[in-house]
């Protein structure tokens, strides 16, 4: 339901061996909205979103406590494979499979989930490419190696691959950090369109990007949740002086 709570987080803590990275906090992430996660390097931003689809736990020595509810279902009491299908991830660097074509890259997740019908595979791949604005742009290149595309196109291929398995939530870890301004602009426009169908959580170091595209902003520092609220409020009238100092560049 539009504007409802999609993810409810309570008492979230995370460790790498004995080093605690997230120190216990809670919040609600709204459906069909873009939530930006900001904060200095090493504050736990990437760890935070990896906890939201159980990717943190695959790191040796990593552990999590607290709860994350996806539509009232505790993801840590559910099948992690199913959770990662419902909550997709797009990484900082476009992680395409170099030996595969664009088509095969996007179809990979579908095949792993048991879809074998070639006609259905083609329909889903083409729909996913159309969603990210690549179907007409790359044309016949769909059956050529994905590595022949530009960085911006590769990142959209990765987004299309995430969309192909029909997730409900899309997590993005600095998806524009390696892109030029024009490619970044295309990704930002795409996200604004995708939020009509998906809930999006994006980690970014770019304050202008966070202000432009997000509906809500989370500010983390040293593993603590310092501030969470609507983006206009966080950027224009923050409650905590540490938020203001970070956003204005007076502190790292």
C-alpha atoms as a PDB file:
ATOM      1  CA  UNK A   1       0.000   0.000   0.000  1.00  0.00           C
ATOM      2  CA  UNK A   2       1.259   3.444  -0.938  1.00  0.00           C
ATOM      3  CA  UNK A   3       3.024   5.272   1.898  1.00  0.00           C
ATOM      4  CA  UNK A   4       2.690   2.295   4.254  1.00  0.00           C
ATOM      5  CA  UNK A   5       5.610   0.851   6.198  1.00  0.00           C
ATOM      6  CA  UNK A   6       7.529  -1.624   4.027  1.00  0.00           C
ATOM      7  CA  UNK A   7      10.463  -2.384   6.340  1.00  0.00           C
ATOM      8  CA  UNK A   8      10.372  -2.034  10.122  1.00  0.00           C
ATOM      9  CA  UNK A   9      13.758  -2.147  11.834  1.00  0.00           C
ATOM     10  CA  UNK A  10      14.196  -2.549  15.597  1.00  0.00           C
ATOM     11  CA  UNK A  11      17.321  -2.847  17.761  1.00  0.00           C
ATOM     12  CA  UNK A  12      19.564  -3.493  14.732  1.00  0.00           C
ATOM     13  CA  UNK A  13      23.149  -4.311  15.679  1.00  0.00           C
ATOM     14  CA  UNK A  14      25.889  -5.728  13.468  1.00  0.00           C
ATOM     15  CA  UNK A  15      29.439  -6.959  14.012  1.00  0.00           C
ATOM     16  CA  UNK A  16      32.480  -8.085  12.065  1.00  0.00           C
ATOM     17  CA  UNK A  17      34.036 -10.535  14.509  1.00  0.00           C
ATOM     18  CA  UNK A  18      34.380  -8.462  17.717  1.00  0.00           C
ATOM     19  CA  UNK A  19      34.060  -5.056  16.015  1.00  0.00           C
ATOM     20  CA  UNK A  20      30.587  -3.603  16.364  1.00  0.00           C
ATOM     21  CA  UNK A  21      29.545  -1.617  13.286  1.00  0.00           C
ATOM     22  CA  UNK A  22      25.873  -0.882  13.980  1.00  0.00           C
ATOM     23  CA  UNK A  23      25.041  -0.048  17.572  1.00  0.00           C
ATOM     24  CA  UNK A  24      21.334  -0.688  17.823  1.00  0.00           C
ATOM     25  CA  UNK A  25      18.622   1.486  16.316  1.00  0.00           C
ATOM     26  CA  UNK A  26      15.168   1.300  14.804  1.00  0.00           C
ATOM     27  CA  UNK A  27      13.223   3.003  12.041  1.00  0.00           C
ATOM     28  CA  UNK A  28      10.529   2.429   9.439  1.00  0.00           C
ATOM     29  CA  UNK A  29      11.129   2.567   5.689  1.00  0.00           C
ATOM     30  CA  UNK A  30       8.102   3.687   3.724  1.00  0.00           C
ATOM     31  CA  UNK A  31       6.737   1.847   0.706  1.00  0.00           C
ATOM     32  CA  UNK A  32       7.104   3.375  -2.751  1.00  0.00           C
ATOM     33  CA  UNK A  33       9.527   5.999  -1.501  1.00  0.00           C
ATOM     34  CA  UNK A  34      13.251   6.584  -1.956  1.00  0.00           C
ATOM     35  CA  UNK A  35      15.199   6.585   1.307  1.00  0.00           C
ATOM     36  CA  UNK A  36      18.763   7.925   1.129  1.00  0.00           C
ATOM     37  CA  UNK A  37      21.365   6.728   3.629  1.00  0.00           C
ATOM     38  CA  UNK A  38      24.126   9.277   4.218  1.00  0.00           C
ATOM     39  CA  UNK A  39      27.066   9.567   6.585  1.00  0.00           C
ATOM     40  CA  UNK A  40      30.867   9.629   6.687  1.00  0.00           C
ATOM     41  CA  UNK A  41      32.979   6.767   5.371  1.00  0.00           C
ATOM     42  CA  UNK A  42      33.063   3.848   7.773  1.00  0.00           C
ATOM     43  CA  UNK A  43      29.884   4.816   9.611  1.00  0.00           C
ATOM     44  CA  UNK A  44      28.064   1.590   8.708  1.00  0.00           C
ATOM     45  CA  UNK A  45      25.977   2.636   5.680  1.00  0.00           C
ATOM     46  CA  UNK A  46      26.821  -0.369   3.497  1.00  0.00           C
ATOM     47  CA  UNK A  47      26.569  -2.739   6.441  1.00  0.00           C
ATOM     48  CA  UNK A  48      23.139  -1.328   7.226  1.00  0.00           C
ATOM     49  CA  UNK A  49      21.629  -2.037   3.826  1.00  0.00           C
ATOM     50  CA  UNK A  50      23.328  -5.447   3.650  1.00  0.00           C
ATOM     51  CA  UNK A  51      21.516  -6.313   6.877  1.00  0.00           C
ATOM     52  CA  UNK A  52      18.223  -5.545   5.145  1.00  0.00           C
ATOM     53  CA  UNK A  53      18.455  -8.527   2.794  1.00  0.00           C
ATOM     54  CA  UNK A  54      20.679 -10.850   4.842  1.00  0.00           C
ATOM     55  CA  UNK A  55      23.836 -10.289   2.822  1.00  0.00           C
ATOM     56  CA  UNK A  56      25.814  -9.163   5.871  1.00  0.00           C
ATOM     57  CA  UNK A  57      25.711 -12.645   7.370  1.00  0.00           C
ATOM     58  CA  UNK A  58      27.506 -14.255   4.406  1.00  0.00           C
ATOM     59  CA  UNK A  59      30.741 -12.443   5.385  1.00  0.00           C
ATOM     60  CA  UNK A  60      32.922 -14.727   7.560  1.00  0.00           C
ATOM     61  CA  UNK A  61      32.745 -13.608  11.197  1.00  0.00           C
ATOM     62  CA  UNK A  62      29.780 -11.289  10.614  1.00  0.00           C
ATOM     63  CA  UNK A  63      26.662 -11.413  12.790  1.00  0.00           C
ATOM     64  CA  UNK A  64      23.468  -9.474  13.363  1.00  0.00           C
ATOM     65  CA  UNK A  65      20.970  -8.990  16.178  1.00  0.00           C
ATOM     66  CA  UNK A  66      17.648  -7.186  16.315  1.00  0.00           C
ATOM     67  CA  UNK A  67      14.809  -7.529  13.847  1.00  0.00           C
ATOM     68  CA  UNK A  68      13.949  -6.469  10.317  1.00  0.00           C
ATOM     69  CA  UNK A  69      10.313  -6.942   9.314  1.00  0.00           C
ATOM     70  CA  UNK A  70       9.325  -7.031   5.657  1.00  0.00           C
ATOM     71  CA  UNK A  71       5.547  -6.536   5.586  1.00  0.00           C
ATOM     72  CA  UNK A  72       5.463  -7.888   9.174  1.00  0.00           C
ATOM     73  CA  UNK A  73       7.582 -10.951   8.273  1.00  0.00           C
ATOM     74  CA  UNK A  74      10.848 -11.250  10.218  1.00  0.00           C
ATOM     75  CA  UNK A  75      13.465 -11.688   7.488  1.00  0.00           C
ATOM     76  CA  UNK A  76      15.825 -13.417   9.928  1.00  0.00           C
ATOM     77  CA  UNK A  77      13.254 -16.164  10.462  1.00  0.00           C
ATOM     78  CA  UNK A  78      12.654 -16.674   6.738  1.00  0.00           C
ATOM     79  CA  UNK A  79      14.476 -18.401   3.893  1.00  0.00           C
ATOM     80  CA  UNK A  80      17.385 -16.060   2.991  1.00  0.00           C
ATOM     81  CA  UNK A  81      17.168 -16.961  -0.709  1.00  0.00           C
ATOM     82  CA  UNK A  82      13.522 -15.879  -0.814  1.00  0.00           C
ATOM     83  CA  UNK A  83      14.351 -12.684   1.118  1.00  0.00           C
ATOM     84  CA  UNK A  84      17.085 -11.786  -1.385  1.00  0.00           C
ATOM     85  CA  UNK A  85      14.609 -12.296  -4.212  1.00  0.00           C
ATOM     86  CA  UNK A  86      12.099  -9.954  -2.575  1.00  0.00           C
ATOM     87  CA  UNK A  87      14.792  -7.451  -1.581  1.00  0.00           C
ATOM     88  CA  UNK A  88      17.246  -6.970  -4.452  1.00  0.00           C
ATOM     89  CA  UNK A  89      20.682  -5.348  -4.344  1.00  0.00           C
ATOM     90  CA  UNK A  90      22.582  -3.161  -6.813  1.00  0.00           C
ATOM     91  CA  UNK A  91      26.245  -2.614  -5.990  1.00  0.00           C
ATOM     92  CA  UNK A  92      28.631   0.318  -6.380  1.00  0.00           C
ATOM     93  CA  UNK A  93      30.508  -1.179  -9.347  1.00  0.00           C
ATOM     94  CA  UNK A  94      28.427  -2.758 -12.126  1.00  0.00           C
ATOM     95  CA  UNK A  95      28.933  -6.466 -11.424  1.00  0.00           C
ATOM     96  CA  UNK A  96      27.956  -8.036 -14.732  1.00  0.00           C
ATOM     97  CA  UNK A  97      29.039 -11.531 -15.702  1.00  0.00           C
ATOM     98  CA  UNK A  98      31.724 -10.770 -18.327  1.00  0.00           C
ATOM     99  CA  UNK A  99      31.399 -14.008 -20.273  1.00  0.00           C
ATOM    100  CA  UNK A 100      27.653 -13.540 -20.708  1.00  0.00           C
ATOM    101  CA  UNK A 101      25.580 -11.453 -23.096  1.00  0.00           C
ATOM    102  CA  UNK A 102      23.290  -8.680 -21.863  1.00  0.00           C
ATOM    103  CA  UNK A 103      20.360 -11.072 -22.258  1.00  0.00           C
ATOM    104  CA  UNK A 104      22.088 -13.836 -20.293  1.00  0.00           C
ATOM    105  CA  UNK A 105      23.086 -11.431 -17.521  1.00  0.00           C
ATOM    106  CA  UNK A 106      19.492 -10.380 -16.936  1.00  0.00           C
ATOM    107  CA  UNK A 107      18.109 -13.897 -17.344  1.00  0.00           C
ATOM    108  CA  UNK A 108      20.601 -15.380 -14.849  1.00  0.00           C
ATOM    109  CA  UNK A 109      18.485 -14.759 -11.762  1.00  0.00           C
ATOM    110  CA  UNK A 110      15.355 -15.987 -13.507  1.00  0.00           C
ATOM    111  CA  UNK A 111      17.064 -19.215 -14.479  1.00  0.00           C
ATOM    112  CA  UNK A 112      18.300 -19.747 -10.917  1.00  0.00           C
ATOM    113  CA  UNK A 113      14.701 -19.326  -9.759  1.00  0.00           C
ATOM    114  CA  UNK A 114      13.593 -22.108 -12.084  1.00  0.00           C
ATOM    115  CA  UNK A 115      12.231 -20.245 -15.125  1.00  0.00           C
ATOM    116  CA  UNK A 116      13.070 -22.322 -18.203  1.00  0.00           C
ATOM    117  CA  UNK A 117      10.441 -21.251 -20.758  1.00  0.00           C
ATOM    118  CA  UNK A 118      12.399 -19.397 -23.457  1.00  0.00           C
ATOM    119  CA  UNK A 119       9.475 -17.251 -24.558  1.00  0.00           C
ATOM    120  CA  UNK A 120       8.737 -16.175 -20.977  1.00  0.00           C
ATOM    121  CA  UNK A 121      12.433 -15.497 -20.355  1.00  0.00           C
ATOM    122  CA  UNK A 122      12.575 -13.247 -23.406  1.00  0.00           C
ATOM    123  CA  UNK A 123       9.438 -11.372 -22.344  1.00  0.00           C
ATOM    124  CA  UNK A 124      10.742 -10.718 -18.827  1.00  0.00           C
ATOM    125  CA  UNK A 125      14.223  -9.708 -20.023  1.00  0.00           C
ATOM    126  CA  UNK A 126      12.814  -7.290 -22.582  1.00  0.00           C
ATOM    127  CA  UNK A 127      10.377  -5.821 -20.045  1.00  0.00           C
ATOM    128  CA  UNK A 128      13.218  -5.302 -17.561  1.00  0.00           C
ATOM    129  CA  UNK A 129      15.387  -3.641 -20.204  1.00  0.00           C
ATOM    130  CA  UNK A 130      12.476  -1.400 -21.179  1.00  0.00           C
ATOM    131  CA  UNK A 131      11.997  -0.393 -17.537  1.00  0.00           C
ATOM    132  CA  UNK A 132      15.566   0.927 -17.369  1.00  0.00           C
ATOM    133  CA  UNK A 133      15.427   2.541 -20.817  1.00  0.00           C
ATOM    134  CA  UNK A 134      17.832   0.146 -22.511  1.00  0.00           C
ATOM    135  CA  UNK A 135      15.664  -1.967 -24.791  1.00  0.00           C
ATOM    136  CA  UNK A 136      15.704   0.475 -27.711  1.00  0.00           C
ATOM    137  CA  UNK A 137      19.037   2.021 -26.757  1.00  0.00           C
ATOM    138  CA  UNK A 138      21.133  -1.116 -27.182  1.00  0.00           C
ATOM    139  CA  UNK A 139      18.953  -2.914 -29.773  1.00  0.00           C
ATOM    140  CA  UNK A 140      20.742  -5.913 -31.265  1.00  0.00           C
ATOM    141  CA  UNK A 141      23.565  -5.613 -28.716  1.00  0.00           C
ATOM    142  CA  UNK A 142      21.326  -7.540 -26.325  1.00  0.00           C
ATOM    143  CA  UNK A 143      22.961 -10.786 -27.476  1.00  0.00           C
ATOM    144  CA  UNK A 144      26.539  -9.454 -27.399  1.00  0.00           C
ATOM    145  CA  UNK A 145      28.830  -9.502 -24.322  1.00  0.00           C
ATOM    146  CA  UNK A 146      27.685  -7.002 -21.707  1.00  0.00           C
ATOM    147  CA  UNK A 147      31.252  -5.742 -21.321  1.00  0.00           C
ATOM    148  CA  UNK A 148      30.879  -3.824 -24.583  1.00  0.00           C
ATOM    149  CA  UNK A 149      28.513  -1.329 -22.939  1.00  0.00           C
ATOM    150  CA  UNK A 150      29.389   1.924 -21.185  1.00  0.00           C
ATOM    151  CA  UNK A 151      29.602   2.111 -17.383  1.00  0.00           C
ATOM    152  CA  UNK A 152      26.238   3.848 -17.181  1.00  0.00           C
ATOM    153  CA  UNK A 153      24.615   1.228 -19.398  1.00  0.00           C
ATOM    154  CA  UNK A 154      26.213  -1.575 -17.367  1.00  0.00           C
ATOM    155  CA  UNK A 155      24.754  -0.162 -14.170  1.00  0.00           C
ATOM    156  CA  UNK A 156      21.326  -0.092 -15.779  1.00  0.00           C
ATOM    157  CA  UNK A 157      21.825  -3.712 -16.849  1.00  0.00           C
ATOM    158  CA  UNK A 158      22.459  -4.541 -13.193  1.00  0.00           C
ATOM    159  CA  UNK A 159      19.285  -2.712 -12.202  1.00  0.00           C
ATOM    160  CA  UNK A 160      17.364  -4.564 -14.918  1.00  0.00           C
ATOM    161  CA  UNK A 161      18.740  -7.860 -13.594  1.00  0.00           C
ATOM    162  CA  UNK A 162      17.482  -6.955 -10.119  1.00  0.00           C
ATOM    163  CA  UNK A 163      14.051  -5.999 -11.502  1.00  0.00           C
ATOM    164  CA  UNK A 164      13.716  -9.196 -13.542  1.00  0.00           C
ATOM    165  CA  UNK A 165      13.037 -11.358 -10.470  1.00  0.00           C
ATOM    166  CA  UNK A 166      10.237  -8.973  -9.414  1.00  0.00           C
ATOM    167  CA  UNK A 167      11.534  -7.696  -6.069  1.00  0.00           C
ATOM    168  CA  UNK A 168       9.533  -5.481  -3.731  1.00  0.00           C
ATOM    169  CA  UNK A 169      12.512  -3.523  -2.405  1.00  0.00           C
ATOM    170  CA  UNK A 170      15.694  -2.432  -4.203  1.00  0.00           C
ATOM    171  CA  UNK A 171      18.818  -1.657  -2.172  1.00  0.00           C
ATOM    172  CA  UNK A 172      21.534   0.411  -3.870  1.00  0.00           C
ATOM    173  CA  UNK A 173      25.057   0.913  -2.565  1.00  0.00           C
ATOM    174  CA  UNK A 174      26.405   4.105  -4.184  1.00  0.00           C
ATOM    175  CA  UNK A 175      25.226   3.113  -7.682  1.00  0.00           C
ATOM    176  CA  UNK A 176      26.419   6.367  -9.276  1.00  0.00           C
ATOM    177  CA  UNK A 177      29.818   6.778  -7.629  1.00  0.00           C
ATOM    178  CA  UNK A 178      31.740   5.515 -10.672  1.00  0.00           C
ATOM    179  CA  UNK A 179      29.556   7.249 -13.268  1.00  0.00           C
ATOM    180  CA  UNK A 180      29.887  10.575 -15.050  1.00  0.00           C
ATOM    181  CA  UNK A 181      27.264  13.302 -14.407  1.00  0.00           C
ATOM    182  CA  UNK A 182      25.174  12.423 -17.472  1.00  0.00           C
ATOM    183  CA  UNK A 183      25.020   8.716 -16.622  1.00  0.00           C
ATOM    184  CA  UNK A 184      24.246   9.607 -12.994  1.00  0.00           C
ATOM    185  CA  UNK A 185      21.403  11.841 -14.165  1.00  0.00           C
ATOM    186  CA  UNK A 186      19.899   8.946 -16.146  1.00  0.00           C
ATOM    187  CA  UNK A 187      20.067   6.689 -13.081  1.00  0.00           C
ATOM    188  CA  UNK A 188      18.432   9.369 -10.908  1.00  0.00           C
ATOM    189  CA  UNK A 189      15.613   9.832 -13.418  1.00  0.00           C
ATOM    190  CA  UNK A 190      15.163   6.077 -13.539  1.00  0.00           C
ATOM    191  CA  UNK A 191      14.902   5.791  -9.749  1.00  0.00           C
ATOM    192  CA  UNK A 192      12.258   8.502  -9.624  1.00  0.00           C
ATOM    193  CA  UNK A 193      10.189   6.423 -12.059  1.00  0.00           C
ATOM    194  CA  UNK A 194      10.851   3.076 -10.364  1.00  0.00           C
ATOM    195  CA  UNK A 195       9.615   4.222  -6.955  1.00  0.00           C
ATOM    196  CA  UNK A 196       6.081   4.071  -8.348  1.00  0.00           C
ATOM    197  CA  UNK A 197       6.451   0.272  -8.232  1.00  0.00           C
ATOM    198  CA  UNK A 198       9.284  -0.391  -5.788  1.00  0.00           C
ATOM    199  CA  UNK A 199      10.616   0.720  -2.416  1.00  0.00           C
ATOM    200  CA  UNK A 200      14.177   2.017  -2.856  1.00  0.00           C
ATOM    201  CA  UNK A 201      16.966   2.476  -0.307  1.00  0.00           C
ATOM    202  CA  UNK A 202      20.116   4.132  -1.670  1.00  0.00           C
ATOM    203  CA  UNK A 203      23.474   4.748  -0.008  1.00  0.00           C
ATOM    204  CA  UNK A 204      25.133   7.884  -1.344  1.00  0.00           C
ATOM    205  CA  UNK A 205      28.007  10.226  -0.504  1.00  0.00           C
ATOM    206  CA  UNK A 206      26.538  12.833  -2.833  1.00  0.00           C
ATOM    207  CA  UNK A 207      24.506  15.274  -0.732  1.00  0.00           C
ATOM    208  CA  UNK A 208      23.047  16.951  -3.823  1.00  0.00           C
ATOM    209  CA  UNK A 209      21.895  13.583  -5.124  1.00  0.00           C
ATOM    210  CA  UNK A 210      20.278  12.677  -1.810  1.00  0.00           C
ATOM    211  CA  UNK A 211      18.473  16.029  -1.713  1.00  0.00           C
ATOM    212  CA  UNK A 212      17.308  15.699  -5.328  1.00  0.00           C
ATOM    213  CA  UNK A 213      15.909  12.199  -5.440  1.00  0.00           C
ATOM    214  CA  UNK A 214      15.033  10.988  -1.937  1.00  0.00           C
ATOM    215  CA  UNK A 215      11.812  11.341   0.020  1.00  0.00           C
ATOM    216  CA  UNK A 216      13.433  10.368   3.332  1.00  0.00           C
ATOM    217  CA  UNK A 217      17.005  10.587   4.601  1.00  0.00           C
ATOM    218  CA  UNK A 218      18.875   8.545   7.206  1.00  0.00           C
ATOM    219  CA  UNK A 219      22.044  10.027   8.716  1.00  0.00           C
ATOM    220  CA  UNK A 220      24.413   7.525  10.336  1.00  0.00           C
ATOM    221  CA  UNK A 221      27.587   8.305  12.251  1.00  0.00           C
ATOM    222  CA  UNK A 222      29.906   5.822  13.958  1.00  0.00           C
ATOM    223  CA  UNK A 223      27.262   3.119  13.822  1.00  0.00           C
ATOM    224  CA  UNK A 224      24.525   5.239  15.408  1.00  0.00           C
ATOM    225  CA  UNK A 225      21.340   6.558  13.822  1.00  0.00           C
ATOM    226  CA  UNK A 226      21.682  10.307  14.343  1.00  0.00           C
ATOM    227  CA  UNK A 227      18.672  11.485  12.359  1.00  0.00           C
ATOM    228  CA  UNK A 228      15.875  10.142  10.211  1.00  0.00           C
ATOM    229  CA  UNK A 229      13.067  12.110   8.616  1.00  0.00           C
ATOM    230  CA  UNK A 230      11.699  13.619   5.448  1.00  0.00           C
ATOM    231  CA  UNK A 231      14.509  14.833   3.204  1.00  0.00           C
ATOM    232  CA  UNK A 232      13.413  18.504   3.236  1.00  0.00           C
ATOM    233  CA  UNK A 233      13.379  18.463   7.042  1.00  0.00           C
ATOM    234  CA  UNK A 234      16.757  16.738   7.391  1.00  0.00           C
ATOM    235  CA  UNK A 235      18.447  19.058   4.891  1.00  0.00           C
ATOM    236  CA  UNK A 236      16.765  22.352   5.759  1.00  0.00           C
ATOM    237  CA  UNK A 237      15.866  22.044   9.418  1.00  0.00           C
ATOM    238  CA  UNK A 238      17.800  19.137  11.003  1.00  0.00           C
ATOM    239  CA  UNK A 239      17.177  18.391  14.659  1.00  0.00           C
ATOM    240  CA  UNK A 240      20.781  17.429  15.454  1.00  0.00           C
ATOM    241  CA  UNK A 241      23.747  19.763  14.995  1.00  0.00           C
ATOM    242  CA  UNK A 242      25.862  16.821  13.800  1.00  0.00           C
ATOM    243  CA  UNK A 243      23.525  16.384  10.858  1.00  0.00           C
ATOM    244  CA  UNK A 244      23.844  20.022   9.895  1.00  0.00           C
ATOM    245  CA  UNK A 245      27.637  19.894  10.235  1.00  0.00           C
ATOM    246  CA  UNK A 246      27.866  16.858   7.964  1.00  0.00           C
ATOM    247  CA  UNK A 247      25.465  18.133   5.301  1.00  0.00           C
ATOM    248  CA  UNK A 248      27.175  21.525   5.110  1.00  0.00           C
ATOM    249  CA  UNK A 249      30.630  19.942   4.941  1.00  0.00           C
ATOM    250  CA  UNK A 250      31.894  21.277   8.262  1.00  0.00           C
ATOM    251  CA  UNK A 251      32.581  17.752   9.507  1.00  0.00           C
ATOM    252  CA  UNK A 252      33.589  14.535   7.765  1.00  0.00           C
END
